[in-house]
Amino acid sequence: MGSAAVSAVDPSESFVAAVRERYPGVGVRRAAAEQLPFGDHEFDTALAQLVVHFMADPVVGLREMARVTRKQGVVAACVWDHAGGRGPLSLFWQAARELDPGVKDESQLAGARESHLGQLFQAAGLRDIEDGALSVDVEHPSFEEWWEPFTLGVGPAGGYAAGLDTKRQAKLRERCRALLPTPPFVLTARAWAARGLV
């Protein structure tokens, strides 16, 4: 068992390289969820953690997850509560909207609102679906530690921040700083979760 029993995919070559470096025993390949490079019924469980909202076609991606999972196996996923304002990026997007009311945030992405993940599971043909919410507390020792990931250009929030000119990015950073508690601080985030049987 152990890491040799785990396989993973990601469409980003840099993310694939990062997984290979951190978890050398895990078989990881570059691929999209909508075209998994595995045979039918290869796995006991298929997980998509904080991924469904980035799939080009979430229903197709979930069907692929079901295809590679054995009969009676479990498919599970979770997505941050971007629509309900309880995700870890909610404060960032609040600040961005205050400064740029036309900004497109992540609230309309697949699975990011209550019950939508379960609806996607149903559309993908999964059975005995259960959906609900997960909560996680994340401690940040400093504002700089909280802000730094946004400067890397990863995901919609990072892409938005990295695409701003220096002056606008500084205004966004300082607005976020004003909205956050005094460091160190703990933020509680919520994710919508669902599981179903093949």
N, C-alpha and C. Protein backbone atom coordinates (compact mmCIF):
# COMPACT_ATOMS: atom_id res chain seq x y z
N MET A 1 0.85 -1.18 0.00
CA MET A 1 0.00 0.00 0.00
C MET A 1 0.89 1.25 0.00
N GLY A 2 0.54 2.25 0.77
CA GLY A 2 1.33 3.46 0.83
C GLY A 2 1.25 4.26 -0.45
N SER A 3 2.29 5.05 -0.70
CA SER A 3 2.27 5.95 -1.85
C SER A 3 2.22 5.21 -3.18
N ALA A 4 2.70 3.99 -3.22
CA ALA A 4 2.68 3.21 -4.46
C ALA A 4 1.25 2.89 -4.90
N ALA A 5 0.29 2.99 -3.98
CA ALA A 5 -1.10 2.71 -4.30
C ALA A 5 -1.85 3.96 -4.77
N VAL A 6 -1.14 5.09 -4.85
CA VAL A 6 -1.76 6.35 -5.22
C VAL A 6 -1.30 6.78 -6.61
N SER A 7 -2.25 7.21 -7.42
CA SER A 7 -1.96 7.80 -8.73
C SER A 7 -2.60 9.17 -8.78
N ALA A 8 -1.99 10.08 -9.52
CA ALA A 8 -2.50 11.45 -9.58
C ALA A 8 -2.31 12.00 -10.99
N VAL A 9 -3.15 12.99 -11.32
CA VAL A 9 -2.98 13.72 -12.59
C VAL A 9 -3.14 15.20 -12.32
N ASP A 10 -2.53 16.00 -13.18
CA ASP A 10 -2.72 17.44 -13.19
C ASP A 10 -2.38 17.93 -14.58
N PRO A 11 -3.12 18.92 -15.10
CA PRO A 11 -2.81 19.43 -16.44
C PRO A 11 -1.59 20.34 -16.48
N SER A 12 -1.10 20.78 -15.32
CA SER A 12 0.03 21.71 -15.27
C SER A 12 1.33 20.94 -15.06
N GLU A 13 2.28 21.14 -15.97
CA GLU A 13 3.57 20.45 -15.85
C GLU A 13 4.30 20.84 -14.57
N SER A 14 4.20 22.11 -14.16
CA SER A 14 4.89 22.54 -12.94
C SER A 14 4.28 21.88 -11.71
N PHE A 15 2.95 21.69 -11.70
CA PHE A 15 2.31 21.02 -10.56
C PHE A 15 2.68 19.53 -10.55
N VAL A 16 2.75 18.92 -11.72
CA VAL A 16 3.18 17.52 -11.80
C VAL A 16 4.59 17.38 -11.23
N ALA A 17 5.50 18.29 -11.62
CA ALA A 17 6.88 18.25 -11.13
C ALA A 17 6.92 18.43 -9.62
N ALA A 18 6.08 19.32 -9.08
CA ALA A 18 6.06 19.55 -7.64
C ALA A 18 5.61 18.31 -6.89
N VAL A 19 4.60 17.61 -7.40
CA VAL A 19 4.13 16.38 -6.74
C VAL A 19 5.21 15.31 -6.80
N ARG A 20 5.87 15.18 -7.95
CA ARG A 20 6.94 14.18 -8.07
C ARG A 20 8.07 14.45 -7.08
N GLU A 21 8.38 15.71 -6.87
CA GLU A 21 9.46 16.06 -5.95
C GLU A 21 9.07 15.79 -4.51
N ARG A 22 7.85 16.15 -4.13
CA ARG A 22 7.42 16.00 -2.74
C ARG A 22 7.00 14.58 -2.39
N TYR A 23 6.44 13.85 -3.37
CA TYR A 23 5.92 12.50 -3.11
C TYR A 23 6.47 11.56 -4.19
N PRO A 24 7.74 11.20 -4.11
CA PRO A 24 8.37 10.42 -5.17
C PRO A 24 7.74 9.04 -5.40
N GLY A 25 7.03 8.51 -4.41
CA GLY A 25 6.41 7.20 -4.59
C GLY A 25 5.08 7.22 -5.32
N VAL A 26 4.52 8.42 -5.51
CA VAL A 26 3.21 8.55 -6.16
C VAL A 26 3.39 8.60 -7.67
N GLY A 27 2.60 7.82 -8.39
CA GLY A 27 2.61 7.87 -9.84
C GLY A 27 1.78 9.06 -10.30
N VAL A 28 2.43 10.09 -10.84
CA VAL A 28 1.70 11.29 -11.26
C VAL A 28 1.98 11.56 -12.73
N ARG A 29 0.92 11.89 -13.46
CA ARG A 29 1.04 12.15 -14.90
C ARG A 29 0.38 13.48 -15.24
N ARG A 30 0.81 14.04 -16.34
CA ARG A 30 0.17 15.25 -16.84
C ARG A 30 -1.03 14.84 -17.68
N ALA A 31 -2.21 15.25 -17.23
CA ALA A 31 -3.45 14.91 -17.94
C ALA A 31 -4.58 15.76 -17.39
N ALA A 32 -5.63 15.88 -18.17
CA ALA A 32 -6.83 16.59 -17.73
C ALA A 32 -7.81 15.59 -17.13
N ALA A 33 -8.64 16.07 -16.22
CA ALA A 33 -9.64 15.21 -15.57
C ALA A 33 -10.60 14.62 -16.59
N GLU A 34 -10.84 15.35 -17.67
CA GLU A 34 -11.81 14.90 -18.67
C GLU A 34 -11.28 13.76 -19.54
N GLN A 35 -9.98 13.47 -19.45
CA GLN A 35 -9.38 12.36 -20.21
C GLN A 35 -8.33 11.69 -19.33
N LEU A 36 -8.78 10.93 -18.36
CA LEU A 36 -7.85 10.29 -17.43
C LEU A 36 -7.11 9.15 -18.13
N PRO A 37 -5.80 9.06 -17.93
CA PRO A 37 -4.98 8.05 -18.62
C PRO A 37 -4.94 6.72 -17.88
N PHE A 38 -6.11 6.22 -17.49
CA PHE A 38 -6.21 4.97 -16.74
C PHE A 38 -7.31 4.11 -17.36
N GLY A 39 -7.22 2.82 -17.09
CA GLY A 39 -8.24 1.90 -17.57
C GLY A 39 -9.49 1.94 -16.70
N ASP A 40 -10.52 1.26 -17.16
CA ASP A 40 -11.77 1.18 -16.42
C ASP A 40 -11.56 0.44 -15.09
N HIS A 41 -12.20 0.95 -14.04
CA HIS A 41 -12.28 0.27 -12.74
C HIS A 41 -10.91 -0.03 -12.11
N GLU A 42 -9.93 0.84 -12.30
CA GLU A 42 -8.58 0.59 -11.75
C GLU A 42 -8.46 0.92 -10.26
N PHE A 43 -9.33 1.80 -9.75
CA PHE A 43 -9.12 2.32 -8.40
C PHE A 43 -10.31 2.07 -7.49
N ASP A 44 -10.04 2.02 -6.19
CA ASP A 44 -11.10 1.90 -5.19
C ASP A 44 -11.82 3.23 -4.99
N THR A 45 -11.06 4.32 -5.10
CA THR A 45 -11.59 5.66 -4.81
C THR A 45 -10.96 6.66 -5.77
N ALA A 46 -11.74 7.65 -6.16
CA ALA A 46 -11.22 8.76 -6.96
C ALA A 46 -11.57 10.07 -6.27
N LEU A 47 -10.58 10.92 -6.08
CA LEU A 47 -10.77 12.18 -5.35
C LEU A 47 -10.40 13.36 -6.24
N ALA A 48 -11.18 14.43 -6.12
CA ALA A 48 -10.86 15.70 -6.79
C ALA A 48 -10.99 16.79 -5.74
N GLN A 49 -9.90 17.10 -5.09
CA GLN A 49 -9.94 18.06 -3.99
C GLN A 49 -9.59 19.45 -4.50
N LEU A 50 -10.58 20.35 -4.44
CA LEU A 50 -10.41 21.74 -4.86
C LEU A 50 -10.02 21.81 -6.34
N VAL A 51 -10.67 20.96 -7.15
CA VAL A 51 -10.33 20.83 -8.57
C VAL A 51 -11.54 21.00 -9.49
N VAL A 52 -12.71 20.53 -9.07
CA VAL A 52 -13.87 20.47 -9.97
C VAL A 52 -14.17 21.82 -10.62
N HIS A 53 -14.02 22.90 -9.86
CA HIS A 53 -14.35 24.22 -10.41
C HIS A 53 -13.37 24.67 -11.49
N PHE A 54 -12.23 23.98 -11.63
CA PHE A 54 -11.28 24.31 -12.68
C PHE A 54 -11.41 23.39 -13.91
N MET A 55 -12.25 22.37 -13.82
CA MET A 55 -12.42 21.47 -14.96
C MET A 55 -13.12 22.19 -16.11
N ALA A 56 -12.67 21.91 -17.33
CA ALA A 56 -13.31 22.51 -18.51
C ALA A 56 -14.75 22.03 -18.62
N ASP A 57 -15.01 20.77 -18.28
CA ASP A 57 -16.35 20.20 -18.27
C ASP A 57 -16.48 19.33 -17.02
N PRO A 58 -17.00 19.88 -15.92
CA PRO A 58 -17.04 19.14 -14.66
C PRO A 58 -17.80 17.81 -14.72
N VAL A 59 -18.89 17.77 -15.47
CA VAL A 59 -19.65 16.52 -15.54
C VAL A 59 -18.83 15.45 -16.24
N VAL A 60 -18.17 15.79 -17.32
CA VAL A 60 -17.32 14.83 -18.02
C VAL A 60 -16.16 14.39 -17.11
N GLY A 61 -15.57 15.35 -16.39
CA GLY A 61 -14.50 15.00 -15.47
C GLY A 61 -14.95 14.04 -14.38
N LEU A 62 -16.13 14.27 -13.82
CA LEU A 62 -16.65 13.36 -12.79
C LEU A 62 -17.02 12.00 -13.38
N ARG A 63 -17.51 11.98 -14.61
CA ARG A 63 -17.79 10.69 -15.28
C ARG A 63 -16.50 9.90 -15.49
N GLU A 64 -15.43 10.61 -15.84
CA GLU A 64 -14.13 9.94 -15.99
C GLU A 64 -13.66 9.37 -14.65
N MET A 65 -13.86 10.12 -13.58
CA MET A 65 -13.49 9.63 -12.27
C MET A 65 -14.28 8.36 -11.93
N ALA A 66 -15.56 8.35 -12.30
CA ALA A 66 -16.39 7.17 -12.06
C ALA A 66 -15.92 6.00 -12.93
N ARG A 67 -15.54 6.29 -14.16
CA ARG A 67 -15.10 5.23 -15.08
C ARG A 67 -13.88 4.48 -14.54
N VAL A 68 -12.94 5.20 -13.94
CA VAL A 68 -11.70 4.55 -13.48
C VAL A 68 -11.85 3.96 -12.07
N THR A 69 -13.03 4.09 -11.48
CA THR A 69 -13.28 3.58 -10.13
C THR A 69 -14.08 2.29 -10.20
N ARG A 70 -13.72 1.32 -9.38
CA ARG A 70 -14.41 0.03 -9.39
C ARG A 70 -15.88 0.17 -9.02
N LYS A 71 -16.68 -0.79 -9.38
CA LYS A 71 -18.10 -0.80 -9.01
C LYS A 71 -18.22 -0.79 -7.49
N GLN A 72 -19.13 0.02 -6.99
CA GLN A 72 -19.33 0.25 -5.56
C GLN A 72 -18.22 1.10 -4.94
N GLY A 73 -17.27 1.56 -5.75
CA GLY A 73 -16.22 2.43 -5.25
C GLY A 73 -16.74 3.85 -5.05
N VAL A 74 -15.93 4.68 -4.42
CA VAL A 74 -16.34 6.03 -4.03
C VAL A 74 -15.66 7.08 -4.90
N VAL A 75 -16.45 8.05 -5.34
CA VAL A 75 -15.94 9.26 -5.96
C VAL A 75 -16.27 10.41 -5.01
N ALA A 76 -15.27 11.23 -4.70
CA ALA A 76 -15.49 12.34 -3.76
C ALA A 76 -14.78 13.59 -4.26
N ALA A 77 -15.34 14.73 -3.88
CA ALA A 77 -14.75 16.01 -4.29
C ALA A 77 -15.15 17.10 -3.31
N CYS A 78 -14.38 18.18 -3.32
CA CYS A 78 -14.76 19.36 -2.57
C CYS A 78 -14.30 20.60 -3.33
N VAL A 79 -15.00 21.70 -3.09
CA VAL A 79 -14.73 22.98 -3.74
C VAL A 79 -14.94 24.08 -2.70
N TRP A 80 -14.06 25.06 -2.67
CA TRP A 80 -14.24 26.17 -1.72
C TRP A 80 -15.56 26.89 -1.96
N ASP A 81 -16.12 27.39 -0.87
CA ASP A 81 -17.40 28.13 -0.91
C ASP A 81 -17.16 29.55 -1.42
N HIS A 82 -16.85 29.66 -2.70
CA HIS A 82 -16.60 30.98 -3.28
C HIS A 82 -17.89 31.81 -3.38
N ALA A 83 -19.01 31.16 -3.68
CA ALA A 83 -20.26 31.90 -3.84
C ALA A 83 -20.82 32.40 -2.52
N GLY A 84 -20.61 31.64 -1.45
CA GLY A 84 -21.16 32.01 -0.15
C GLY A 84 -20.27 32.95 0.65
N GLY A 85 -19.11 33.28 0.10
CA GLY A 85 -18.23 34.21 0.79
C GLY A 85 -17.51 33.62 1.98
N ARG A 86 -17.39 32.30 2.03
CA ARG A 86 -16.73 31.66 3.18
C ARG A 86 -15.48 30.88 2.76
N GLY A 87 -15.02 31.09 1.53
CA GLY A 87 -13.81 30.43 1.09
C GLY A 87 -12.58 31.19 1.56
N PRO A 88 -11.39 30.60 1.42
CA PRO A 88 -10.17 31.26 1.89
C PRO A 88 -9.79 32.47 1.03
N LEU A 89 -10.40 32.61 -0.15
CA LEU A 89 -10.10 33.74 -1.03
C LEU A 89 -11.16 34.83 -0.97
N SER A 90 -12.17 34.64 -0.14
CA SER A 90 -13.31 35.57 -0.12
C SER A 90 -12.89 36.99 0.23
N LEU A 91 -12.00 37.14 1.20
CA LEU A 91 -11.57 38.48 1.57
C LEU A 91 -10.81 39.15 0.43
N PHE A 92 -9.98 38.38 -0.26
CA PHE A 92 -9.25 38.90 -1.42
C PHE A 92 -10.24 39.44 -2.45
N TRP A 93 -11.26 38.64 -2.79
CA TRP A 93 -12.22 39.07 -3.81
C TRP A 93 -13.09 40.22 -3.31
N GLN A 94 -13.37 40.28 -2.02
CA GLN A 94 -14.11 41.43 -1.48
C GLN A 94 -13.32 42.72 -1.72
N ALA A 95 -12.03 42.68 -1.41
CA ALA A 95 -11.18 43.85 -1.63
C ALA A 95 -11.10 44.19 -3.11
N ALA A 96 -10.97 43.18 -3.95
CA ALA A 96 -10.87 43.41 -5.40
C ALA A 96 -12.14 44.06 -5.93
N ARG A 97 -13.31 43.61 -5.46
CA ARG A 97 -14.59 44.18 -5.92
C ARG A 97 -14.76 45.63 -5.45
N GLU A 98 -14.27 45.91 -4.25
CA GLU A 98 -14.36 47.29 -3.76
C GLU A 98 -13.57 48.25 -4.65
N LEU A 99 -12.44 47.79 -5.14
CA LEU A 99 -11.58 48.63 -5.98
C LEU A 99 -11.92 48.54 -7.47
N ASP A 100 -12.54 47.42 -7.87
CA ASP A 100 -12.86 47.18 -9.28
C ASP A 100 -14.20 46.43 -9.34
N PRO A 101 -15.33 47.16 -9.29
CA PRO A 101 -16.64 46.51 -9.21
C PRO A 101 -16.94 45.54 -10.37
N GLY A 102 -16.26 45.68 -11.47
CA GLY A 102 -16.50 44.79 -12.60
C GLY A 102 -15.67 43.53 -12.61
N VAL A 103 -14.87 43.31 -11.57
CA VAL A 103 -13.98 42.15 -11.55
C VAL A 103 -14.79 40.86 -11.55
N LYS A 104 -14.28 39.86 -12.26
CA LYS A 104 -14.93 38.55 -12.30
C LYS A 104 -14.26 37.66 -11.26
N ASP A 105 -15.01 37.34 -10.19
CA ASP A 105 -14.43 36.51 -9.14
C ASP A 105 -14.72 35.02 -9.42
N GLU A 106 -14.62 34.18 -8.41
CA GLU A 106 -14.77 32.74 -8.60
C GLU A 106 -16.13 32.21 -8.15
N SER A 107 -17.07 33.10 -7.85
CA SER A 107 -18.34 32.67 -7.28
C SER A 107 -19.22 31.89 -8.24
N GLN A 108 -19.00 32.05 -9.55
CA GLN A 108 -19.84 31.35 -10.52
C GLN A 108 -19.22 30.04 -11.01
N LEU A 109 -18.08 29.67 -10.48
CA LEU A 109 -17.43 28.44 -10.92
C LEU A 109 -18.21 27.21 -10.45
N ALA A 110 -18.02 26.11 -11.14
CA ALA A 110 -18.74 24.87 -10.85
C ALA A 110 -18.48 24.39 -9.43
N GLY A 111 -19.55 24.06 -8.72
CA GLY A 111 -19.44 23.50 -7.38
C GLY A 111 -19.20 24.50 -6.27
N ALA A 112 -19.06 25.78 -6.62
CA ALA A 112 -18.68 26.79 -5.62
C ALA A 112 -19.85 27.35 -4.84
N ARG A 113 -21.05 26.82 -5.06
CA ARG A 113 -22.22 27.27 -4.30
C ARG A 113 -22.92 26.05 -3.70
N GLU A 114 -23.71 26.29 -2.68
CA GLU A 114 -24.35 25.20 -1.94
C GLU A 114 -25.16 24.29 -2.85
N SER A 115 -24.97 22.98 -2.69
CA SER A 115 -25.70 21.91 -3.38
C SER A 115 -25.28 21.71 -4.84
N HIS A 116 -24.51 22.62 -5.42
CA HIS A 116 -24.18 22.48 -6.84
C HIS A 116 -23.27 21.28 -7.09
N LEU A 117 -22.36 20.99 -6.18
CA LEU A 117 -21.48 19.84 -6.35
C LEU A 117 -22.29 18.55 -6.40
N GLY A 118 -23.28 18.43 -5.51
CA GLY A 118 -24.16 17.25 -5.54
C GLY A 118 -24.93 17.14 -6.84
N GLN A 119 -25.36 18.27 -7.38
CA GLN A 119 -26.06 18.26 -8.67
C GLN A 119 -25.14 17.79 -9.79
N LEU A 120 -23.89 18.20 -9.75
CA LEU A 120 -22.93 17.74 -10.76
C LEU A 120 -22.69 16.23 -10.63
N PHE A 121 -22.61 15.74 -9.40
CA PHE A 121 -22.45 14.30 -9.19
C PHE A 121 -23.64 13.54 -9.78
N GLN A 122 -24.82 14.07 -9.56
CA GLN A 122 -26.02 13.42 -10.10
C GLN A 122 -25.98 13.41 -11.63
N ALA A 123 -25.62 14.53 -12.23
CA ALA A 123 -25.55 14.61 -13.69
C ALA A 123 -24.50 13.65 -14.25
N ALA A 124 -23.47 13.34 -13.46
CA ALA A 124 -22.42 12.43 -13.90
C ALA A 124 -22.81 10.97 -13.71
N GLY A 125 -23.99 10.70 -13.13
CA GLY A 125 -24.47 9.33 -12.99
C GLY A 125 -24.05 8.61 -11.73
N LEU A 126 -23.54 9.33 -10.75
CA LEU A 126 -23.17 8.69 -9.49
C LEU A 126 -24.40 8.42 -8.64
N ARG A 127 -24.29 7.47 -7.71
CA ARG A 127 -25.42 7.04 -6.90
C ARG A 127 -25.19 7.33 -5.42
N ASP A 128 -26.27 7.27 -4.65
CA ASP A 128 -26.20 7.44 -3.20
C ASP A 128 -25.35 8.64 -2.81
N ILE A 129 -25.66 9.76 -3.42
CA ILE A 129 -24.85 10.97 -3.24
C ILE A 129 -25.14 11.62 -1.90
N GLU A 130 -24.08 11.99 -1.22
CA GLU A 130 -24.17 12.77 0.01
C GLU A 130 -23.40 14.07 -0.22
N ASP A 131 -23.99 15.19 0.17
CA ASP A 131 -23.22 16.43 0.08
C ASP A 131 -23.39 17.23 1.35
N GLY A 132 -22.43 18.09 1.59
CA GLY A 132 -22.43 18.88 2.82
C GLY A 132 -21.28 19.87 2.79
N ALA A 133 -20.84 20.27 3.97
CA ALA A 133 -19.78 21.27 4.06
C ALA A 133 -18.67 20.79 4.97
N LEU A 134 -17.47 21.23 4.67
CA LEU A 134 -16.29 21.00 5.50
C LEU A 134 -15.77 22.36 5.97
N SER A 135 -15.19 22.39 7.13
CA SER A 135 -14.65 23.65 7.66
C SER A 135 -13.19 23.44 8.04
N VAL A 136 -12.36 24.43 7.76
CA VAL A 136 -10.94 24.33 8.09
C VAL A 136 -10.46 25.68 8.62
N ASP A 137 -9.63 25.63 9.65
CA ASP A 137 -9.01 26.84 10.20
C ASP A 137 -7.56 26.90 9.71
N VAL A 138 -7.17 28.06 9.18
CA VAL A 138 -5.80 28.24 8.72
C VAL A 138 -5.18 29.42 9.46
N GLU A 139 -4.04 29.15 10.11
CA GLU A 139 -3.36 30.19 10.86
C GLU A 139 -2.32 30.86 9.97
N HIS A 140 -2.30 32.19 10.01
CA HIS A 140 -1.33 32.97 9.24
C HIS A 140 -0.49 33.79 10.22
N PRO A 141 0.81 33.57 10.25
CA PRO A 141 1.66 34.30 11.20
C PRO A 141 1.86 35.77 10.85
N SER A 142 1.68 36.10 9.57
CA SER A 142 1.88 37.49 9.15
C SER A 142 1.02 37.79 7.94
N PHE A 143 0.80 39.07 7.68
CA PHE A 143 0.08 39.45 6.47
C PHE A 143 0.87 39.06 5.23
N GLU A 144 2.17 39.22 5.26
CA GLU A 144 3.01 38.91 4.10
C GLU A 144 2.89 37.44 3.72
N GLU A 145 2.81 36.57 4.71
CA GLU A 145 2.66 35.13 4.44
C GLU A 145 1.31 34.87 3.78
N TRP A 146 0.27 35.59 4.19
CA TRP A 146 -1.07 35.44 3.58
C TRP A 146 -1.05 35.97 2.15
N TRP A 147 -0.41 37.10 1.91
CA TRP A 147 -0.45 37.78 0.61
C TRP A 147 0.43 37.11 -0.45
N GLU A 148 1.57 36.56 -0.07
CA GLU A 148 2.57 36.08 -1.00
C GLU A 148 2.04 35.12 -2.08
N PRO A 149 1.17 34.16 -1.76
CA PRO A 149 0.67 33.27 -2.81
C PRO A 149 -0.04 33.98 -3.96
N PHE A 150 -0.68 35.11 -3.67
CA PHE A 150 -1.38 35.84 -4.72
C PHE A 150 -0.43 36.44 -5.74
N THR A 151 0.83 36.61 -5.36
CA THR A 151 1.81 37.21 -6.28
C THR A 151 2.38 36.20 -7.26
N LEU A 152 2.05 34.93 -7.10
CA LEU A 152 2.64 33.88 -7.93
C LEU A 152 1.87 33.66 -9.24
N GLY A 153 0.71 34.30 -9.37
CA GLY A 153 -0.04 34.18 -10.62
C GLY A 153 -0.79 32.87 -10.78
N VAL A 154 -0.99 32.11 -9.71
CA VAL A 154 -1.65 30.81 -9.78
C VAL A 154 -3.15 30.97 -9.54
N GLY A 155 -3.98 30.34 -10.37
CA GLY A 155 -5.43 30.39 -10.21
C GLY A 155 -5.99 31.75 -10.58
N PRO A 156 -7.32 31.88 -10.58
CA PRO A 156 -7.95 33.16 -10.94
C PRO A 156 -7.52 34.33 -10.06
N ALA A 157 -7.42 34.11 -8.75
CA ALA A 157 -7.04 35.21 -7.86
C ALA A 157 -5.59 35.63 -8.11
N GLY A 158 -4.69 34.66 -8.21
CA GLY A 158 -3.30 34.97 -8.49
C GLY A 158 -3.12 35.62 -9.85
N GLY A 159 -3.88 35.13 -10.84
CA GLY A 159 -3.81 35.72 -12.17
C GLY A 159 -4.28 37.16 -12.17
N TYR A 160 -5.33 37.43 -11.40
CA TYR A 160 -5.84 38.79 -11.31
C TYR A 160 -4.81 39.71 -10.65
N ALA A 161 -4.27 39.28 -9.52
CA ALA A 161 -3.30 40.10 -8.79
C ALA A 161 -2.04 40.34 -9.62
N ALA A 162 -1.54 39.28 -10.23
CA ALA A 162 -0.31 39.40 -11.02
C ALA A 162 -0.50 40.27 -12.26
N GLY A 163 -1.75 40.36 -12.74
CA GLY A 163 -2.03 41.14 -13.93
C GLY A 163 -2.21 42.63 -13.68
N LEU A 164 -2.25 43.03 -12.42
CA LEU A 164 -2.40 44.45 -12.09
C LEU A 164 -1.07 45.18 -12.21
N ASP A 165 -1.14 46.46 -12.56
CA ASP A 165 0.10 47.25 -12.54
C ASP A 165 0.52 47.45 -11.09
N THR A 166 1.74 47.93 -10.89
CA THR A 166 2.31 48.04 -9.54
C THR A 166 1.45 48.86 -8.60
N LYS A 167 0.92 49.97 -9.09
CA LYS A 167 0.12 50.86 -8.24
C LYS A 167 -1.19 50.19 -7.82
N ARG A 168 -1.88 49.58 -8.77
CA ARG A 168 -3.17 48.93 -8.46
C ARG A 168 -2.96 47.71 -7.57
N GLN A 169 -1.89 46.97 -7.80
CA GLN A 169 -1.61 45.82 -6.95
C GLN A 169 -1.33 46.27 -5.52
N ALA A 170 -0.61 47.38 -5.37
CA ALA A 170 -0.33 47.90 -4.03
C ALA A 170 -1.62 48.34 -3.33
N LYS A 171 -2.53 48.95 -4.07
CA LYS A 171 -3.82 49.36 -3.47
C LYS A 171 -4.61 48.14 -3.02
N LEU A 172 -4.61 47.09 -3.86
CA LEU A 172 -5.31 45.87 -3.49
C LEU A 172 -4.68 45.24 -2.26
N ARG A 173 -3.37 45.17 -2.24
CA ARG A 173 -2.67 44.59 -1.09
C ARG A 173 -3.01 45.33 0.19
N GLU A 174 -2.99 46.66 0.14
CA GLU A 174 -3.26 47.43 1.35
C GLU A 174 -4.73 47.37 1.76
N ARG A 175 -5.63 47.23 0.79
CA ARG A 175 -7.04 47.06 1.15
C ARG A 175 -7.25 45.71 1.83
N CYS A 176 -6.59 44.68 1.34
CA CYS A 176 -6.66 43.37 1.99
C CYS A 176 -6.10 43.46 3.41
N ARG A 177 -4.97 44.13 3.56
CA ARG A 177 -4.36 44.28 4.88
C ARG A 177 -5.34 44.93 5.86
N ALA A 178 -6.07 45.95 5.38
CA ALA A 178 -7.01 46.67 6.24
C ALA A 178 -8.20 45.79 6.64
N LEU A 179 -8.59 44.87 5.77
CA LEU A 179 -9.74 44.01 6.05
C LEU A 179 -9.40 42.83 6.97
N LEU A 180 -8.15 42.44 7.00
CA LEU A 180 -7.75 41.29 7.80
C LEU A 180 -7.51 41.67 9.25
N PRO A 181 -7.63 40.70 10.16
CA PRO A 181 -7.30 40.95 11.57
C PRO A 181 -5.80 41.22 11.72
N THR A 182 -5.42 41.74 12.86
CA THR A 182 -4.00 41.95 13.16
C THR A 182 -3.30 40.60 13.28
N PRO A 183 -2.16 40.42 12.61
CA PRO A 183 -1.44 39.13 12.68
C PRO A 183 -0.88 38.90 14.08
N PRO A 184 -0.68 37.63 14.44
CA PRO A 184 -1.11 36.45 13.68
C PRO A 184 -2.62 36.29 13.76
N PHE A 185 -3.19 35.70 12.72
CA PHE A 185 -4.64 35.53 12.72
C PHE A 185 -5.01 34.16 12.15
N VAL A 186 -6.22 33.73 12.49
CA VAL A 186 -6.76 32.45 12.00
C VAL A 186 -7.98 32.75 11.15
N LEU A 187 -8.02 32.21 9.95
CA LEU A 187 -9.19 32.34 9.09
C LEU A 187 -9.89 31.00 8.99
N THR A 188 -11.20 31.01 9.14
CA THR A 188 -12.00 29.80 8.99
C THR A 188 -12.61 29.80 7.60
N ALA A 189 -12.36 28.74 6.86
CA ALA A 189 -12.87 28.63 5.50
C ALA A 189 -13.79 27.42 5.38
N ARG A 190 -14.74 27.51 4.45
CA ARG A 190 -15.69 26.42 4.24
C ARG A 190 -15.55 25.91 2.80
N ALA A 191 -15.69 24.61 2.66
CA ALA A 191 -15.71 23.99 1.33
C ALA A 191 -16.96 23.13 1.22
N TRP A 192 -17.57 23.16 0.06
CA TRP A 192 -18.67 22.24 -0.24
C TRP A 192 -18.07 20.90 -0.62
N ALA A 193 -18.67 19.82 -0.15
CA ALA A 193 -18.13 18.48 -0.40
C ALA A 193 -19.24 17.55 -0.85
N ALA A 194 -18.88 16.57 -1.65
CA ALA A 194 -19.83 15.54 -2.09
C ALA A 194 -19.12 14.23 -2.29
N ARG A 195 -19.87 13.15 -2.08
CA ARG A 195 -19.36 11.81 -2.37
C ARG A 195 -20.48 10.99 -2.97
N GLY A 196 -20.14 10.07 -3.83
CA GLY A 196 -21.14 9.21 -4.44
C GLY A 196 -20.53 7.86 -4.79
N LEU A 197 -21.37 6.90 -5.04
CA LEU A 197 -20.93 5.56 -5.40
C LEU A 197 -21.05 5.36 -6.91
N VAL A 198 -20.13 4.56 -7.41
CA VAL A 198 -20.15 4.20 -8.84
C VAL A 198 -21.21 3.13 -9.06
